[in-house]
Amino acid sequence: MTHPFHPWFGREFVFLAVRQTWSEDRVFFLDENARQFSLPVGWTDVVEPDVFVRMAAGRSPFGFADLVELRRLIDGLSG
């Protein structure tokens, strides 16, 4: 788990597969009790980090696409 704000940050799990579900790539894994879970692939080290994330090196928490999506969500709430 590489997402810095997730409570499982830094823990390692038994990898099962990467599948596209709910319109996104997700990592399926087993916890220490053999229960299956899934998380967005970007929250793990299964794939290389996004180019923006790598280049920003922690200096920018949001990419352009993230901010555009945030604006769309805010507009939806106020309209």
PDB file of N, CA and C in Angstrom:
ATOM      1  N   MET A   1       0.854  -1.173   0.000  1.00  0.00           N
ATOM      2  CA  MET A   1       0.000   0.000   0.000  1.00  0.00           C
ATOM      3  C   MET A   1       0.895   1.230   0.000  1.00  0.00           C
ATOM      4  N   THR A   2       0.756   2.058  -1.026  1.00  0.00           N
ATOM      5  CA  THR A   2       1.607   3.239  -1.135  1.00  0.00           C
ATOM      6  C   THR A   2       0.858   4.554  -0.962  1.00  0.00           C
ATOM      7  N   HIS A   3      -0.479   4.518  -0.878  1.00  0.00           N
ATOM      8  CA  HIS A   3      -1.251   5.755  -0.699  1.00  0.00           C
ATOM      9  C   HIS A   3      -0.946   6.305   0.697  1.00  0.00           C
ATOM     10  N   PRO A   4      -0.385   7.518   0.788  1.00  0.00           N
ATOM     11  CA  PRO A   4       0.098   8.011   2.079  1.00  0.00           C
ATOM     12  C   PRO A   4      -0.971   8.255   3.138  1.00  0.00           C
ATOM     13  N   PHE A   5      -2.238   8.402   2.749  1.00  0.00           N
ATOM     14  CA  PHE A   5      -3.279   8.681   3.730  1.00  0.00           C
ATOM     15  C   PHE A   5      -4.130   7.457   4.065  1.00  0.00           C
ATOM     16  N   HIS A   6      -3.842   6.329   3.444  1.00  0.00           N
ATOM     17  CA  HIS A   6      -4.615   5.117   3.722  1.00  0.00           C
ATOM     18  C   HIS A   6      -4.110   4.482   5.017  1.00  0.00           C
ATOM     19  N   PRO A   7      -5.013   3.972   5.867  1.00  0.00           N
ATOM     20  CA  PRO A   7      -4.568   3.363   7.132  1.00  0.00           C
ATOM     21  C   PRO A   7      -3.672   2.134   6.939  1.00  0.00           C
ATOM     22  N   TRP A   8      -3.701   1.524   5.767  1.00  0.00           N
ATOM     23  CA  TRP A   8      -2.836   0.364   5.505  1.00  0.00           C
ATOM     24  C   TRP A   8      -1.516   0.771   4.848  1.00  0.00           C
ATOM     25  N   PHE A   9      -1.215   2.057   4.819  1.00  0.00           N
ATOM     26  CA  PHE A   9       0.015   2.547   4.184  1.00  0.00           C
ATOM     27  C   PHE A   9       1.231   1.781   4.715  1.00  0.00           C
ATOM     28  N   GLY A  10       2.059   1.319   3.786  1.00  0.00           N
ATOM     29  CA  GLY A  10       3.285   0.613   4.145  1.00  0.00           C
ATOM     30  C   GLY A  10       3.133  -0.880   4.349  1.00  0.00           C
ATOM     31  N   ARG A  11       1.905  -1.364   4.457  1.00  0.00           N
ATOM     32  CA  ARG A  11       1.704  -2.808   4.643  1.00  0.00           C
ATOM     33  C   ARG A  11       1.830  -3.532   3.317  1.00  0.00           C
ATOM     34  N   GLU A  12       2.196  -4.812   3.393  1.00  0.00           N
ATOM     35  CA  GLU A  12       2.291  -5.655   2.202  1.00  0.00           C
ATOM     36  C   GLU A  12       1.234  -6.741   2.277  1.00  0.00           C
ATOM     37  N   PHE A  13       0.717  -7.121   1.105  1.00  0.00           N
ATOM     38  CA  PHE A  13      -0.356  -8.100   1.025  1.00  0.00           C
ATOM     39  C   PHE A  13      -0.044  -9.131  -0.047  1.00  0.00           C
ATOM     40  N   VAL A  14      -0.814 -10.206  -0.053  1.00  0.00           N
ATOM     41  CA  VAL A  14      -0.675 -11.253  -1.071  1.00  0.00           C
ATOM     42  C   VAL A  14      -1.411 -10.799  -2.326  1.00  0.00           C
ATOM     43  N   PHE A  15      -0.660 -10.590  -3.395  1.00  0.00           N
ATOM     44  CA  PHE A  15      -1.213 -10.126  -4.668  1.00  0.00           C
ATOM     45  C   PHE A  15      -2.003 -11.244  -5.340  1.00  0.00           C
ATOM     46  N   LEU A  16      -3.187 -10.905  -5.875  1.00  0.00           N
ATOM     47  CA  LEU A  16      -3.987 -11.862  -6.642  1.00  0.00           C
ATOM     48  C   LEU A  16      -4.022 -11.505  -8.124  1.00  0.00           C
ATOM     49  N   ALA A  17      -4.457 -10.283  -8.439  1.00  0.00           N
ATOM     50  CA  ALA A  17      -4.619  -9.910  -9.851  1.00  0.00           C
ATOM     51  C   ALA A  17      -4.886  -8.415  -9.980  1.00  0.00           C
ATOM     52  N   VAL A  18      -4.741  -7.931 -11.206  1.00  0.00           N
ATOM     53  CA  VAL A  18      -5.187  -6.582 -11.569  1.00  0.00           C
ATOM     54  C   VAL A  18      -6.330  -6.769 -12.547  1.00  0.00           C
ATOM     55  N   ARG A  19      -7.462  -6.139 -12.254  1.00  0.00           N
ATOM     56  CA  ARG A  19      -8.641  -6.242 -13.121  1.00  0.00           C
ATOM     57  C   ARG A  19      -9.261  -4.857 -13.271  1.00  0.00           C
ATOM     58  N   GLN A  20      -9.941  -4.669 -14.406  1.00  0.00           N
ATOM     59  CA  GLN A  20     -10.680  -3.424 -14.583  1.00  0.00           C
ATOM     60  C   GLN A  20     -12.103  -3.654 -14.103  1.00  0.00           C
ATOM     61  N   THR A  21     -12.466  -2.963 -13.040  1.00  0.00           N
ATOM     62  CA  THR A  21     -13.821  -3.025 -12.495  1.00  0.00           C
ATOM     63  C   THR A  21     -14.232  -1.620 -12.100  1.00  0.00           C
ATOM     64  N   TRP A  22     -15.503  -1.358 -12.086  1.00  0.00           N
ATOM     65  CA  TRP A  22     -16.027  -0.040 -11.730  1.00  0.00           C
ATOM     66  C   TRP A  22     -15.323   1.046 -12.534  1.00  0.00           C
ATOM     67  N   SER A  23     -15.032   0.759 -13.798  1.00  0.00           N
ATOM     68  CA  SER A  23     -14.417   1.709 -14.741  1.00  0.00           C
ATOM     69  C   SER A  23     -13.007   2.140 -14.358  1.00  0.00           C
ATOM     70  N   GLU A  24     -12.315   1.346 -13.553  1.00  0.00           N
ATOM     71  CA  GLU A  24     -10.929   1.656 -13.207  1.00  0.00           C
ATOM     72  C   GLU A  24     -10.157   0.365 -12.978  1.00  0.00           C
ATOM     73  N   ASP A  25      -8.843   0.448 -13.111  1.00  0.00           N
ATOM     74  CA  ASP A  25      -7.999  -0.700 -12.812  1.00  0.00           C
ATOM     75  C   ASP A  25      -7.864  -0.820 -11.307  1.00  0.00           C
ATOM     76  N   ARG A  26      -8.082  -2.041 -10.810  1.00  0.00           N
ATOM     77  CA  ARG A  26      -8.000  -2.294  -9.372  1.00  0.00           C
ATOM     78  C   ARG A  26      -7.089  -3.480  -9.106  1.00  0.00           C
ATOM     79  N   VAL A  27      -6.410  -3.439  -7.969  1.00  0.00           N
ATOM     80  CA  VAL A  27      -5.557  -4.531  -7.522  1.00  0.00           C
ATOM     81  C   VAL A  27      -6.355  -5.359  -6.527  1.00  0.00           C
ATOM     82  N   PHE A  28      -6.408  -6.658  -6.756  1.00  0.00           N
ATOM     83  CA  PHE A  28      -7.076  -7.573  -5.842  1.00  0.00           C
ATOM     84  C   PHE A  28      -6.003  -8.288  -5.033  1.00  0.00           C
ATOM     85  N   PHE A  29      -6.238  -8.410  -3.719  1.00  0.00           N
ATOM     86  CA  PHE A  29      -5.232  -8.990  -2.835  1.00  0.00           C
ATOM     87  C   PHE A  29      -5.904  -9.631  -1.628  1.00  0.00           C
ATOM     88  N   LEU A  30      -5.122 -10.398  -0.884  1.00  0.00           N
ATOM     89  CA  LEU A  30      -5.591 -11.031   0.346  1.00  0.00           C
ATOM     90  C   LEU A  30      -4.921 -10.368   1.538  1.00  0.00           C
ATOM     91  N   ASP A  31      -5.691 -10.170   2.616  1.00  0.00           N
ATOM     92  CA  ASP A  31      -5.084  -9.661   3.842  1.00  0.00           C
ATOM     93  C   ASP A  31      -4.560 -10.834   4.668  1.00  0.00           C
ATOM     94  N   GLU A  32      -4.097 -10.551   5.884  1.00  0.00           N
ATOM     95  CA  GLU A  32      -3.508 -11.605   6.725  1.00  0.00           C
ATOM     96  C   GLU A  32      -4.511 -12.663   7.159  1.00  0.00           C
ATOM     97  N   ASN A  33      -5.816 -12.368   7.032  1.00  0.00           N
ATOM     98  CA  ASN A  33      -6.864 -13.339   7.368  1.00  0.00           C
ATOM     99  C   ASN A  33      -7.453 -14.004   6.130  1.00  0.00           C
ATOM    100  N   ALA A  34      -6.754 -13.881   5.005  1.00  0.00           N
ATOM    101  CA  ALA A  34      -7.154 -14.467   3.723  1.00  0.00           C
ATOM    102  C   ALA A  34      -8.473 -13.901   3.197  1.00  0.00           C
ATOM    103  N   ARG A  35      -8.807 -12.671   3.589  1.00  0.00           N
ATOM    104  CA  ARG A  35      -9.981 -11.989   3.044  1.00  0.00           C
ATOM    105  C   ARG A  35      -9.555 -11.216   1.805  1.00  0.00           C
ATOM    106  N   GLN A  36     -10.396 -11.260   0.776  1.00  0.00           N
ATOM    107  CA  GLN A  36     -10.069 -10.571  -0.474  1.00  0.00           C
ATOM    108  C   GLN A  36     -10.556  -9.131  -0.436  1.00  0.00           C
ATOM    109  N   PHE A  37      -9.697  -8.236  -0.903  1.00  0.00           N
ATOM    110  CA  PHE A  37     -10.005  -6.817  -1.018  1.00  0.00           C
ATOM    111  C   PHE A  37      -9.533  -6.330  -2.373  1.00  0.00           C
ATOM    112  N   SER A  38      -9.962  -5.125  -2.738  1.00  0.00           N
ATOM    113  CA  SER A  38      -9.421  -4.488  -3.938  1.00  0.00           C
ATOM    114  C   SER A  38      -9.274  -2.996  -3.671  1.00  0.00           C
ATOM    115  N   LEU A  39      -8.290  -2.420  -4.350  1.00  0.00           N
ATOM    116  CA  LEU A  39      -7.999  -0.992  -4.243  1.00  0.00           C
ATOM    117  C   LEU A  39      -7.639  -0.463  -5.615  1.00  0.00           C
ATOM    118  N   PRO A  40      -7.765   0.846  -5.827  1.00  0.00           N
ATOM    119  CA  PRO A  40      -7.304   1.406  -7.097  1.00  0.00           C
ATOM    120  C   PRO A  40      -5.818   1.103  -7.302  1.00  0.00           C
ATOM    121  N   VAL A  41      -5.453   0.765  -8.520  1.00  0.00           N
ATOM    122  CA  VAL A  41      -4.073   0.385  -8.819  1.00  0.00           C
ATOM    123  C   VAL A  41      -3.091   1.498  -8.459  1.00  0.00           C
ATOM    124  N   GLY A  42      -3.519   2.749  -8.539  1.00  0.00           N
ATOM    125  CA  GLY A  42      -2.650   3.875  -8.223  1.00  0.00           C
ATOM    126  C   GLY A  42      -2.282   3.997  -6.758  1.00  0.00           C
ATOM    127  N   TRP A  43      -2.950   3.263  -5.897  1.00  0.00           N
ATOM    128  CA  TRP A  43      -2.647   3.301  -4.467  1.00  0.00           C
ATOM    129  C   TRP A  43      -1.626   2.243  -4.083  1.00  0.00           C
ATOM    130  N   THR A  44      -1.106   1.531  -5.077  1.00  0.00           N
ATOM    131  CA  THR A  44      -0.178   0.428  -4.825  1.00  0.00           C
ATOM    132  C   THR A  44       1.094   0.617  -5.639  1.00  0.00           C
ATOM    133  N   ASP A  45       2.033  -0.300  -5.456  1.00  0.00           N
ATOM    134  CA  ASP A  45       3.257  -0.265  -6.253  1.00  0.00           C
ATOM    135  C   ASP A  45       3.236  -1.297  -7.372  1.00  0.00           C
ATOM    136  N   VAL A  46       2.037  -1.746  -7.753  1.00  0.00           N
ATOM    137  CA  VAL A  46       1.899  -2.751  -8.809  1.00  0.00           C
ATOM    138  C   VAL A  46       2.326  -2.187 -10.164  1.00  0.00           C
ATOM    139  N   VAL A  47       2.046  -0.926 -10.403  1.00  0.00           N
ATOM    140  CA  VAL A  47       2.451  -0.280 -11.657  1.00  0.00           C
ATOM    141  C   VAL A  47       3.381   0.885 -11.334  1.00  0.00           C
ATOM    142  N   GLU A  48       4.110   1.330 -12.342  1.00  0.00           N
ATOM    143  CA  GLU A  48       4.988   2.488 -12.176  1.00  0.00           C
ATOM    144  C   GLU A  48       4.152   3.714 -11.817  1.00  0.00           C
ATOM    145  N   PRO A  49       4.687   4.606 -10.986  1.00  0.00           N
ATOM    146  CA  PRO A  49       3.936   5.816 -10.648  1.00  0.00           C
ATOM    147  C   PRO A  49       3.644   6.652 -11.892  1.00  0.00           C
ATOM    148  N   ASP A  50       2.545   7.367 -11.834  1.00  0.00           N
ATOM    149  CA  ASP A  50       2.182   8.301 -12.886  1.00  0.00           C
ATOM    150  C   ASP A  50       3.343   9.271 -13.108  1.00  0.00           C
ATOM    151  N   VAL A  51       3.566   9.658 -14.364  1.00  0.00           N
ATOM    152  CA  VAL A  51       4.677  10.558 -14.700  1.00  0.00           C
ATOM    153  C   VAL A  51       4.586  11.858 -13.904  1.00  0.00           C
ATOM    154  N   PHE A  52       3.379  12.429 -13.797  1.00  0.00           N
ATOM    155  CA  PHE A  52       3.219  13.676 -13.038  1.00  0.00           C
ATOM    156  C   PHE A  52       3.616  13.479 -11.584  1.00  0.00           C
ATOM    157  N   VAL A  53       3.157  12.401 -10.972  1.00  0.00           N
ATOM    158  CA  VAL A  53       3.467  12.130  -9.565  1.00  0.00           C
ATOM    159  C   VAL A  53       4.974  12.009  -9.376  1.00  0.00           C
ATOM    160  N   ARG A  54       5.621  11.295 -10.283  1.00  0.00           N
ATOM    161  CA  ARG A  54       7.071  11.109 -10.188  1.00  0.00           C
ATOM    162  C   ARG A  54       7.806  12.443 -10.340  1.00  0.00           C
ATOM    163  N   MET A  55       7.416  13.236 -11.335  1.00  0.00           N
ATOM    164  CA  MET A  55       8.102  14.505 -11.589  1.00  0.00           C
ATOM    165  C   MET A  55       7.821  15.543 -10.494  1.00  0.00           C
ATOM    166  N   ALA A  56       6.611  15.551  -9.953  1.00  0.00           N
ATOM    167  CA  ALA A  56       6.273  16.510  -8.899  1.00  0.00           C
ATOM    168  C   ALA A  56       7.007  16.187  -7.604  1.00  0.00           C
ATOM    169  N   ALA A  57       7.329  14.930  -7.392  1.00  0.00           N
ATOM    170  CA  ALA A  57       8.105  14.492  -6.214  1.00  0.00           C
ATOM    171  C   ALA A  57       7.544  15.063  -4.911  1.00  0.00           C
ATOM    172  N   GLY A  58       6.210  15.032  -4.777  1.00  0.00           N
ATOM    173  CA  GLY A  58       5.581  15.487  -3.549  1.00  0.00           C
ATOM    174  C   GLY A  58       5.350  16.984  -3.453  1.00  0.00           C
ATOM    175  N   ARG A  59       5.765  17.738  -4.451  1.00  0.00           N
ATOM    176  CA  ARG A  59       5.616  19.195  -4.391  1.00  0.00           C
ATOM    177  C   ARG A  59       4.226  19.668  -4.794  1.00  0.00           C
ATOM    178  N   SER A  60       3.463  18.817  -5.473  1.00  0.00           N
ATOM    179  CA  SER A  60       2.126  19.206  -5.914  1.00  0.00           C
ATOM    180  C   SER A  60       1.173  18.031  -5.703  1.00  0.00           C
ATOM    181  N   PRO A  61       0.199  18.193  -4.820  1.00  0.00           N
ATOM    182  CA  PRO A  61      -0.708  17.082  -4.545  1.00  0.00           C
ATOM    183  C   PRO A  61      -1.752  16.836  -5.633  1.00  0.00           C
ATOM    184  N   PHE A  62      -1.927  17.793  -6.557  1.00  0.00           N
ATOM    185  CA  PHE A  62      -2.962  17.663  -7.578  1.00  0.00           C
ATOM    186  C   PHE A  62      -2.394  17.894  -8.967  1.00  0.00           C
ATOM    187  N   GLY A  63      -2.825  17.062  -9.899  1.00  0.00           N
ATOM    188  CA  GLY A  63      -2.509  17.278 -11.300  1.00  0.00           C
ATOM    189  C   GLY A  63      -3.620  18.076 -11.955  1.00  0.00           C
ATOM    190  N   PHE A  64      -3.395  18.516 -13.176  1.00  0.00           N
ATOM    191  CA  PHE A  64      -4.390  19.310 -13.891  1.00  0.00           C
ATOM    192  C   PHE A  64      -5.712  18.559 -14.009  1.00  0.00           C
ATOM    193  N   ALA A  65      -5.664  17.285 -14.401  1.00  0.00           N
ATOM    194  CA  ALA A  65      -6.893  16.495 -14.560  1.00  0.00           C
ATOM    195  C   ALA A  65      -7.636  16.365 -13.234  1.00  0.00           C
ATOM    196  N   ASP A  66      -6.903  16.254 -12.119  1.00  0.00           N
ATOM    197  CA  ASP A  66      -7.539  16.182 -10.800  1.00  0.00           C
ATOM    198  C   ASP A  66      -8.315  17.457 -10.502  1.00  0.00           C
ATOM    199  N   LEU A  67      -7.718  18.603 -10.820  1.00  0.00           N
ATOM    200  CA  LEU A  67      -8.371  19.883 -10.550  1.00  0.00           C
ATOM    201  C   LEU A  67      -9.582  20.108 -11.450  1.00  0.00           C
ATOM    202  N   VAL A  68      -9.492  19.678 -12.693  1.00  0.00           N
ATOM    203  CA  VAL A  68     -10.640  19.779 -13.606  1.00  0.00           C
ATOM    204  C   VAL A  68     -11.789  18.929 -13.081  1.00  0.00           C
ATOM    205  N   GLU A  69     -11.493  17.708 -12.628  1.00  0.00           N
ATOM    206  CA  GLU A  69     -12.527  16.827 -12.078  1.00  0.00           C
ATOM    207  C   GLU A  69     -13.113  17.419 -10.799  1.00  0.00           C
ATOM    208  N   LEU A  70     -12.284  17.996  -9.950  1.00  0.00           N
ATOM    209  CA  LEU A  70     -12.772  18.640  -8.733  1.00  0.00           C
ATOM    210  C   LEU A  70     -13.726  19.782  -9.073  1.00  0.00           C
ATOM    211  N   ARG A  71     -13.371  20.582 -10.050  1.00  0.00           N
ATOM    212  CA  ARG A  71     -14.243  21.688 -10.470  1.00  0.00           C
ATOM    213  C   ARG A  71     -15.585  21.158 -10.972  1.00  0.00           C
ATOM    214  N   ARG A  72     -15.542  20.071 -11.754  1.00  0.00           N
ATOM    215  CA  ARG A  72     -16.774  19.467 -12.264  1.00  0.00           C
ATOM    216  C   ARG A  72     -17.660  19.004 -11.108  1.00  0.00           C
ATOM    217  N   LEU A  73     -17.056  18.387 -10.098  1.00  0.00           N
ATOM    218  CA  LEU A  73     -17.821  17.918  -8.942  1.00  0.00           C
ATOM    219  C   LEU A  73     -18.419  19.081  -8.152  1.00  0.00           C
ATOM    220  N   ILE A  74     -17.637  20.125  -7.953  1.00  0.00           N
ATOM    221  CA  ILE A  74     -18.132  21.301  -7.224  1.00  0.00           C
ATOM    222  C   ILE A  74     -19.272  21.962  -7.985  1.00  0.00           C
ATOM    223  N   ASP A  75     -19.112  22.098  -9.298  1.00  0.00           N
ATOM    224  CA  ASP A  75     -20.186  22.677 -10.110  1.00  0.00           C
ATOM    225  C   ASP A  75     -21.456  21.846  -9.999  1.00  0.00           C
ATOM    226  N   GLY A  76     -21.315  20.531  -9.935  1.00  0.00           N
ATOM    227  CA  GLY A  76     -22.472  19.652  -9.802  1.00  0.00           C
ATOM    228  C   GLY A  76     -23.187  19.825  -8.470  1.00  0.00           C
ATOM    229  N   LEU A  77     -22.445  20.142  -7.428  1.00  0.00           N
ATOM    230  CA  LEU A  77     -23.046  20.352  -6.111  1.00  0.00           C
ATOM    231  C   LEU A  77     -23.802  21.670  -6.029  1.00  0.00           C
ATOM    232  N   SER A  78     -23.285  22.682  -6.692  1.00  0.00           N
ATOM    233  CA  SER A  78     -23.899  24.007  -6.590  1.00  0.00           C
ATOM    234  C   SER A  78     -24.988  24.247  -7.632  1.00  0.00           C
ATOM    235  N   GLY A  79     -25.167  23.312  -8.561  1.00  0.00           N
ATOM    236  CA  GLY A  79     -26.137  23.534  -9.628  1.00  0.00           C
ATOM    237  C   GLY A  79     -27.324  22.736  -9.434  1.00  0.00           C
TER     238      GLY A  79
END
